[in-house]
Amino acid sequence: MRAAMVLWGVLACGVLWTQPSEPTELRVRVVNRAQQPLTNARVGALAVDFRRLQVMPATEPLMQPVDAQGAARLQWHPAHQAIVQEILAGERGGAVVLLVSAPDHVPLCRALTYPIAAEQTVALRTGQTVHLRLKPALSPPDDFGTRLPFQKPLAWEEVFYTPFGSDLFVAPLESLADREGLDIPSLQVLNALTRLHLFPGFGIERVSATEYRLTLPSQMDGTAWLWVNRPDWLVGYATEIRPDEVASGAVERMLPASAMLEVRMDLQGANLQGQDGSLMLYRQAGGMYVPARACRWSRRSRRLSSATLHLARAGQRWRCICRANTASAAACDGARPRPLWYRARCAPSPFARPRPRARRPKATAR
């Protein structure tokens, strides 16, 4: 009897020891269509948490270079490692979005859901390289084009009101990059959360603050839109990149000087007692909108004024969303602050100057 128990214990331990452990890291190998390693590729990953409805950087730094064999061993972000490993182990609903990019090749994003293999091989196809040159009216900051998006967790309720983290990006991703695993109906929440686009390090190579190299598909389905969204310099500039420009391999754009806009909202007449809310200013172009600024009001405050915005130009159409943070639709319908007014003042080299008001003659005493 004792011998049988000992034998059973040995077998149980052997089964436990031989159980395949869930991956704690991802090993990614990047090749071209001829299965040759791409030694100048970069790889990164995002984590999408379905439980909290958040998207967060899974790797640190976000985009990492590969070695001489075209391989990279991705280590998880220290602050989000526990969540990523729960997603890998199937203990938490979510997905890991792999981002792979290499010069002269079309970038690729791949959604990985449980079970996830620790070894991933990505084959990139050759694309059309486009040299982008910006000619701004005002000199950009020295670090323009170096900021990367997804540097902190972004919750569902913040996704549509948070400005994009990158200074320069190209959208929409659906026609600019290869996508794998993103068309599953159960992952539609992933598309809404990530809002993926090309940014420096993923499909865009930064040469200098005003020169970039884009890699786009040779035959695009539609057009691409270039956005410049730097809060302290130029916000909401959007321009279309046509297919004939992609075929020529060169794109030049004159960036206008910015105009400054102040948005002030009067809450005196709104039924907002005991509620918090937010104000968002956004620009719409190319089938998408980009938030320029989002600010909040407190239930204790009756007035809200946004910070100064360096907008692309005074003549472009900007839209404003004002809402109360409440779960009741009826309360939202009744909480529409009025009136809403704007005041624009011009930056150096403005596009529109306010007309000086005519002074009234002083009344003379009789």
Protein backbone atom coordinates (compact mmCIF):
# COMPACT_ATOMS: atom_id res chain seq x y z
CA MET A 1 0.00 0.00 0.00
CA ARG A 2 2.78 2.39 0.95
CA ALA A 3 4.67 1.51 -2.21
CA ALA A 4 1.58 2.25 -4.28
CA MET A 5 1.16 5.66 -2.64
CA VAL A 6 4.82 6.46 -3.24
CA LEU A 7 4.49 5.43 -6.88
CA TRP A 8 1.35 7.57 -7.27
CA GLY A 9 3.16 10.58 -5.75
CA VAL A 10 6.08 10.17 -8.13
CA LEU A 11 3.76 9.97 -11.14
CA ALA A 12 1.81 13.03 -9.98
CA CYS A 13 4.97 15.04 -9.56
CA GLY A 14 6.12 13.94 -12.98
CA VAL A 15 2.85 15.10 -14.52
CA LEU A 16 3.17 18.47 -12.79
CA TRP A 17 6.76 18.86 -13.88
CA THR A 18 5.93 18.02 -17.51
CA GLN A 19 2.92 20.37 -17.74
CA PRO A 20 3.73 23.06 -20.36
CA SER A 21 4.04 26.38 -18.60
CA GLU A 22 2.36 29.44 -20.03
CA PRO A 23 4.78 31.84 -21.77
CA THR A 24 6.09 34.70 -19.68
CA GLU A 25 7.66 36.40 -22.69
CA LEU A 26 7.31 36.53 -26.45
CA ARG A 27 10.09 35.62 -28.83
CA VAL A 28 9.44 37.21 -32.22
CA ARG A 29 11.33 36.51 -35.42
CA VAL A 30 10.87 38.93 -38.32
CA VAL A 31 11.51 37.80 -41.89
CA ASN A 32 10.61 38.88 -45.40
CA ARG A 33 8.49 36.86 -47.80
CA ALA A 34 11.63 34.94 -48.84
CA GLN A 35 12.08 33.89 -45.17
CA GLN A 36 15.24 35.97 -44.86
CA PRO A 37 15.72 37.75 -41.49
CA LEU A 38 15.09 41.49 -41.35
CA THR A 39 17.81 42.78 -39.06
CA ASN A 40 16.52 46.38 -39.03
CA ALA A 41 13.02 45.55 -37.82
CA ARG A 42 11.34 46.77 -34.63
CA VAL A 43 8.83 44.87 -32.53
CA GLY A 44 6.49 45.95 -29.74
CA ALA A 45 3.26 44.88 -28.08
CA LEU A 46 0.10 46.30 -26.52
CA ALA A 47 -2.12 44.59 -23.96
CA VAL A 48 -5.90 44.93 -24.12
CA ASP A 49 -7.67 44.09 -20.87
CA PHE A 50 -11.31 43.15 -21.51
CA ARG A 51 -12.07 43.02 -17.79
CA ARG A 52 -11.21 46.65 -17.14
CA LEU A 53 -11.68 47.75 -20.76
CA GLN A 54 -8.19 49.21 -20.92
CA VAL A 55 -5.35 49.27 -23.40
CA MET A 56 -1.80 49.56 -22.05
CA PRO A 57 1.80 49.17 -23.21
CA ALA A 58 2.86 45.55 -22.82
CA THR A 59 6.55 46.11 -23.56
CA GLU A 60 9.07 48.64 -22.27
CA PRO A 61 10.22 50.44 -24.36
CA LEU A 62 7.21 50.15 -26.62
CA MET A 63 9.18 49.39 -29.82
CA GLN A 64 12.37 47.33 -29.53
CA PRO A 65 15.03 46.44 -32.14
CA VAL A 66 15.79 42.90 -33.26
CA ASP A 67 19.20 41.22 -33.23
CA ALA A 68 21.40 40.10 -36.13
CA GLN A 69 19.13 37.08 -36.72
CA GLY A 70 16.03 39.25 -36.93
CA ALA A 71 14.75 38.03 -33.56
CA ALA A 72 13.68 39.89 -30.44
CA ARG A 73 12.90 38.62 -26.95
CA LEU A 74 10.23 40.97 -25.64
CA GLN A 75 10.20 41.62 -21.92
CA TRP A 76 6.95 42.82 -20.38
CA HIS A 77 6.35 46.26 -18.97
CA PRO A 78 7.09 46.07 -15.22
CA ALA A 79 3.93 47.97 -14.26
CA HIS A 80 1.64 45.73 -16.37
CA GLN A 81 3.46 42.41 -16.31
CA ALA A 82 0.90 40.72 -14.02
CA ILE A 83 -2.02 41.60 -16.31
CA VAL A 84 -0.13 40.49 -19.43
CA GLN A 85 0.76 37.14 -17.88
CA GLU A 86 -2.87 36.58 -16.82
CA ILE A 87 -3.92 37.21 -20.43
CA LEU A 88 -1.28 34.74 -21.65
CA ALA A 89 -2.42 32.12 -19.14
CA GLY A 90 -6.09 32.54 -20.05
CA GLU A 91 -6.96 33.76 -16.55
CA ARG A 92 -8.08 37.17 -17.79
CA GLY A 93 -10.02 38.05 -20.92
CA GLY A 94 -7.91 40.10 -23.27
CA ALA A 95 -5.47 40.13 -26.14
CA VAL A 96 -1.88 41.00 -26.89
CA VAL A 97 -1.44 43.11 -30.03
CA LEU A 98 1.91 42.58 -31.71
CA LEU A 99 3.34 45.55 -33.67
CA VAL A 100 6.07 44.77 -36.23
CA SER A 101 7.75 47.26 -38.55
CA ALA A 102 10.81 47.40 -40.80
CA PRO A 103 12.05 50.00 -43.31
CA ASP A 104 10.80 49.45 -46.88
CA HIS A 105 8.25 46.88 -45.65
CA VAL A 106 4.55 47.20 -44.90
CA PRO A 107 4.04 47.16 -41.11
CA LEU A 108 1.95 44.46 -39.50
CA CYS A 109 -0.21 44.22 -36.38
CA ARG A 110 -1.32 40.83 -35.07
CA ALA A 111 -3.86 40.19 -32.33
CA LEU A 112 -2.91 37.24 -30.10
CA THR A 113 -5.52 35.59 -27.91
CA TYR A 114 -5.32 32.59 -25.60
CA PRO A 115 -3.67 30.18 -26.15
CA ILE A 116 -0.66 32.22 -27.26
CA ALA A 117 2.50 30.55 -28.55
CA ALA A 118 5.74 31.83 -27.08
CA GLU A 119 7.38 31.73 -30.53
CA GLN A 120 6.01 34.08 -33.16
CA THR A 121 7.27 34.39 -36.73
CA VAL A 122 6.18 37.44 -38.73
CA ALA A 123 6.71 37.75 -42.48
CA LEU A 124 6.56 41.31 -43.85
CA ARG A 125 5.92 42.16 -47.48
CA THR A 126 7.76 44.83 -49.44
CA GLY A 127 6.05 48.22 -49.60
CA GLN A 128 6.39 51.61 -51.24
CA THR A 129 8.79 53.98 -49.49
CA VAL A 130 7.61 57.58 -49.42
CA HIS A 131 9.88 60.44 -48.37
CA LEU A 132 7.93 63.01 -46.38
CA ARG A 133 9.27 66.52 -45.96
CA LEU A 134 7.57 69.09 -43.77
CA LYS A 135 8.06 72.81 -44.31
CA PRO A 136 6.62 74.50 -41.24
CA ALA A 137 6.08 78.23 -40.98
CA LEU A 138 7.41 78.07 -37.41
CA SER A 139 10.33 75.90 -36.31
CA PRO A 140 9.15 72.73 -34.54
CA PRO A 141 10.47 71.65 -31.13
CA ASP A 142 13.72 69.70 -31.25
CA ASP A 143 12.04 66.53 -29.99
CA PHE A 144 9.16 66.73 -32.45
CA GLY A 145 8.38 63.27 -33.79
CA THR A 146 9.96 61.36 -30.92
CA ARG A 147 6.91 60.92 -28.69
CA LEU A 148 5.28 57.49 -28.83
CA PRO A 149 1.63 56.69 -28.13
CA PHE A 150 0.32 54.22 -25.56
CA GLN A 151 2.71 55.25 -22.80
CA LYS A 152 0.13 54.67 -20.05
CA PRO A 153 -3.09 52.67 -19.59
CA LEU A 154 -6.05 54.14 -21.40
CA ALA A 155 -9.54 53.29 -20.19
CA TRP A 156 -12.63 52.87 -22.36
CA GLU A 157 -14.25 56.11 -21.19
CA GLU A 158 -11.03 58.02 -21.96
CA VAL A 159 -10.24 56.59 -25.39
CA PHE A 160 -12.46 58.96 -27.35
CA TYR A 161 -11.51 62.05 -25.33
CA THR A 162 -7.76 61.68 -24.93
CA PRO A 163 -5.46 63.36 -27.49
CA PHE A 164 -3.19 61.04 -29.44
CA GLY A 165 0.22 60.60 -27.83
CA SER A 166 2.31 60.84 -31.01
CA ASP A 167 3.22 64.18 -32.60
CA LEU A 168 2.84 62.84 -36.12
CA PHE A 169 0.85 59.84 -37.37
CA VAL A 170 -0.79 58.47 -40.51
CA ALA A 171 -4.26 56.90 -40.61
CA PRO A 172 -6.39 54.87 -41.24
CA LEU A 173 -4.51 51.71 -40.36
CA GLU A 174 -6.96 49.42 -42.18
CA SER A 175 -5.57 50.43 -45.58
CA LEU A 176 -1.96 51.11 -44.54
CA ALA A 177 -0.83 47.97 -42.68
CA ASP A 178 -1.36 44.23 -42.73
CA ARG A 179 -3.73 43.07 -39.99
CA GLU A 180 -4.04 39.59 -38.54
CA GLY A 181 -6.62 38.47 -36.03
CA LEU A 182 -8.36 41.84 -35.77
CA ASP A 183 -11.43 40.94 -37.82
CA ILE A 184 -12.88 38.44 -35.35
CA PRO A 185 -16.33 39.68 -34.20
CA SER A 186 -15.47 39.04 -30.54
CA LEU A 187 -12.52 41.42 -30.85
CA GLN A 188 -14.46 44.46 -32.04
CA VAL A 189 -13.87 46.03 -28.63
CA LEU A 190 -10.15 45.75 -29.37
CA ASN A 191 -10.50 47.89 -32.49
CA ALA A 192 -12.38 50.54 -30.52
CA LEU A 193 -9.82 50.57 -27.72
CA THR A 194 -6.55 50.59 -29.62
CA ARG A 195 -7.20 53.17 -32.38
CA LEU A 196 -4.04 52.00 -34.11
CA HIS A 197 -2.23 54.15 -36.66
CA LEU A 198 1.25 54.53 -38.11
CA PHE A 199 3.61 56.47 -35.86
CA PRO A 200 7.41 57.02 -35.70
CA GLY A 201 8.82 53.58 -34.98
CA PHE A 202 5.86 51.74 -36.53
CA GLY A 203 5.63 52.33 -40.27
CA ILE A 204 7.32 55.75 -40.01
CA GLU A 205 11.06 56.33 -39.83
CA ARG A 206 12.17 59.64 -38.31
CA VAL A 207 15.15 61.20 -40.10
CA SER A 208 14.84 64.62 -38.48
CA ALA A 209 12.13 66.81 -37.00
CA THR A 210 10.96 67.74 -40.52
CA GLU A 211 11.93 64.65 -42.59
CA TYR A 212 10.41 61.16 -42.40
CA ARG A 213 10.26 57.94 -44.40
CA LEU A 214 6.90 56.19 -44.69
CA THR A 215 6.38 52.65 -45.91
CA LEU A 216 2.92 52.23 -47.42
CA PRO A 217 1.34 49.47 -49.52
CA SER A 218 2.13 49.76 -53.21
CA GLN A 219 -1.58 49.65 -53.97
CA MET A 220 -3.55 51.39 -51.26
CA ASP A 221 -7.26 50.96 -50.80
CA GLY A 222 -8.22 54.63 -50.66
CA THR A 223 -6.10 57.50 -49.40
CA ALA A 224 -3.97 58.13 -46.34
CA TRP A 225 -4.21 61.07 -43.97
CA LEU A 226 -1.23 62.68 -42.30
CA TRP A 227 -1.92 64.27 -38.91
CA VAL A 228 0.23 66.65 -36.89
CA ASN A 229 -0.90 66.94 -33.30
CA ARG A 230 1.67 68.56 -31.00
CA PRO A 231 -0.15 70.37 -28.14
CA ASP A 232 2.51 73.05 -27.55
CA TRP A 233 3.16 73.76 -31.22
CA LEU A 234 0.51 72.75 -33.77
CA VAL A 235 -2.70 70.81 -33.15
CA GLY A 236 -5.17 69.24 -35.54
CA TYR A 237 -3.36 69.67 -38.86
CA ALA A 238 -4.60 67.04 -41.34
CA THR A 239 -3.68 66.58 -44.99
CA GLU A 240 -4.52 63.90 -47.52
CA ILE A 241 -1.79 61.79 -49.12
CA ARG A 242 -3.05 60.76 -52.54
CA PRO A 243 -2.17 57.47 -54.29
CA ASP A 244 -0.30 59.33 -57.06
CA GLU A 245 1.93 60.94 -54.42
CA VAL A 246 2.63 57.52 -52.93
CA ALA A 247 3.60 56.25 -56.39
CA SER A 248 5.98 59.18 -56.90
CA GLY A 249 7.74 58.41 -53.61
CA ALA A 250 7.86 62.01 -52.36
CA VAL A 251 5.45 64.17 -50.38
CA GLU A 252 5.98 67.78 -49.29
CA ARG A 253 3.67 69.76 -47.07
CA MET A 254 3.72 73.36 -45.90
CA LEU A 255 2.67 73.51 -42.26
CA PRO A 256 0.87 76.72 -41.34
CA ALA A 257 1.52 78.79 -38.28
CA SER A 258 -0.85 78.14 -35.42
CA ALA A 259 -3.62 80.28 -34.06
CA MET A 260 -4.55 80.20 -30.40
CA LEU A 261 -8.11 79.53 -29.35
CA GLU A 262 -9.71 79.91 -25.95
CA VAL A 263 -12.95 78.04 -25.29
CA ARG A 264 -15.07 79.15 -22.37
CA MET A 265 -18.28 77.53 -21.21
CA ASP A 266 -20.94 79.05 -19.01
CA LEU A 267 -22.60 76.48 -16.77
CA GLN A 268 -24.94 78.84 -14.93
CA GLY A 269 -28.04 77.77 -16.82
CA ALA A 270 -27.31 74.03 -16.94
CA ASN A 271 -28.83 71.45 -14.66
CA LEU A 272 -25.51 70.02 -13.43
CA GLN A 273 -25.96 70.01 -9.68
CA GLY A 274 -23.88 67.21 -8.16
CA GLN A 275 -22.37 66.13 -11.49
CA ASP A 276 -18.93 66.18 -13.02
CA GLY A 277 -18.40 66.60 -16.73
CA SER A 278 -15.93 67.18 -19.53
CA LEU A 279 -15.36 69.41 -22.54
CA MET A 280 -13.57 68.14 -25.63
CA LEU A 281 -12.46 70.05 -28.70
CA TYR A 282 -11.78 67.86 -31.73
CA ARG A 283 -10.99 68.04 -35.44
CA GLN A 284 -12.70 65.82 -37.99
CA ALA A 285 -11.13 64.84 -41.32
CA GLY A 286 -10.60 61.73 -43.40
CA GLY A 287 -13.39 59.78 -41.74
CA MET A 288 -11.94 60.11 -38.24
CA TYR A 289 -11.73 62.70 -35.52
CA VAL A 290 -8.76 63.63 -33.38
CA PRO A 291 -9.24 65.15 -29.93
CA ALA A 292 -7.25 68.35 -29.51
CA ARG A 293 -7.93 69.02 -25.87
CA ALA A 294 -10.08 67.56 -23.13
CA CYS A 295 -10.73 69.24 -19.80
CA ARG A 296 -13.16 68.60 -17.00
CA TRP A 297 -15.39 70.60 -14.73
CA SER A 298 -16.05 69.81 -11.11
CA ARG A 299 -19.44 69.57 -9.48
CA ARG A 300 -18.35 72.40 -7.21
CA SER A 301 -17.49 74.72 -10.08
CA ARG A 302 -19.99 76.61 -12.20
CA ARG A 303 -17.55 77.76 -14.86
CA LEU A 304 -14.93 76.04 -16.95
CA SER A 305 -12.34 77.43 -19.35
CA SER A 306 -10.00 75.31 -21.43
CA ALA A 307 -6.28 75.83 -21.66
CA THR A 308 -4.82 77.67 -24.64
CA LEU A 309 -4.71 75.56 -27.81
CA HIS A 310 -2.30 76.01 -30.71
CA LEU A 311 -4.70 75.16 -33.52
CA ALA A 312 -3.74 74.46 -37.09
CA ARG A 313 -5.46 77.54 -38.48
CA ALA A 314 -8.22 79.87 -37.43
CA GLY A 315 -10.33 79.19 -40.53
CA GLN A 316 -10.70 75.43 -40.05
CA ARG A 317 -13.82 73.95 -38.54
CA TRP A 318 -13.48 72.72 -34.98
CA ARG A 319 -16.19 70.98 -33.04
CA CYS A 320 -16.85 70.85 -29.35
CA ILE A 321 -18.46 68.13 -27.25
CA CYS A 322 -19.77 68.97 -23.81
CA ARG A 323 -21.19 66.20 -21.67
CA ALA A 324 -21.93 65.27 -18.09
CA ASN A 325 -20.39 62.19 -16.49
CA THR A 326 -23.57 60.35 -15.59
CA ALA A 327 -25.06 56.97 -16.36
CA SER A 328 -28.56 58.40 -16.85
CA ALA A 329 -29.37 59.29 -20.44
CA ALA A 330 -32.18 61.58 -19.32
CA ALA A 331 -29.79 63.46 -17.07
CA CYS A 332 -27.34 63.78 -19.96
CA ASP A 333 -30.05 65.22 -22.20
CA GLY A 334 -30.88 67.79 -19.59
CA ALA A 335 -27.25 68.71 -18.92
CA ARG A 336 -26.31 70.69 -21.97
CA PRO A 337 -24.53 73.85 -20.91
CA ARG A 338 -25.53 76.99 -22.78
CA PRO A 339 -24.27 79.27 -24.06
CA LEU A 340 -20.95 78.09 -25.50
CA TRP A 341 -18.64 80.72 -26.90
CA TYR A 342 -15.18 80.87 -28.41
CA ARG A 343 -12.56 83.56 -28.54
CA ALA A 344 -9.63 83.28 -30.91
CA ARG A 345 -6.43 85.26 -30.78
CA CYS A 346 -3.62 84.94 -33.25
CA ALA A 347 -0.14 83.55 -32.82
CA PRO A 348 2.89 84.87 -34.78
CA SER A 349 2.24 84.81 -38.53
CA PRO A 350 -1.52 84.37 -38.03
CA PHE A 351 -4.05 83.52 -40.69
CA ALA A 352 -6.66 85.90 -39.39
CA ARG A 353 -6.29 89.02 -37.32
CA PRO A 354 -9.12 90.31 -35.16
CA ARG A 355 -10.44 93.64 -36.31
CA PRO A 356 -9.88 96.47 -33.85
CA ARG A 357 -13.02 97.80 -32.34
CA ALA A 358 -13.97 101.34 -33.24
CA ARG A 359 -13.77 103.69 -30.28
CA ARG A 360 -16.85 105.60 -29.41
CA PRO A 361 -16.41 109.36 -29.06
CA LYS A 362 -16.52 110.55 -25.50
CA ALA A 363 -19.61 112.42 -24.52
CA THR A 364 -18.96 116.10 -23.87
CA ALA A 365 -20.52 117.80 -20.91
CA ARG A 366 -22.93 120.54 -21.78
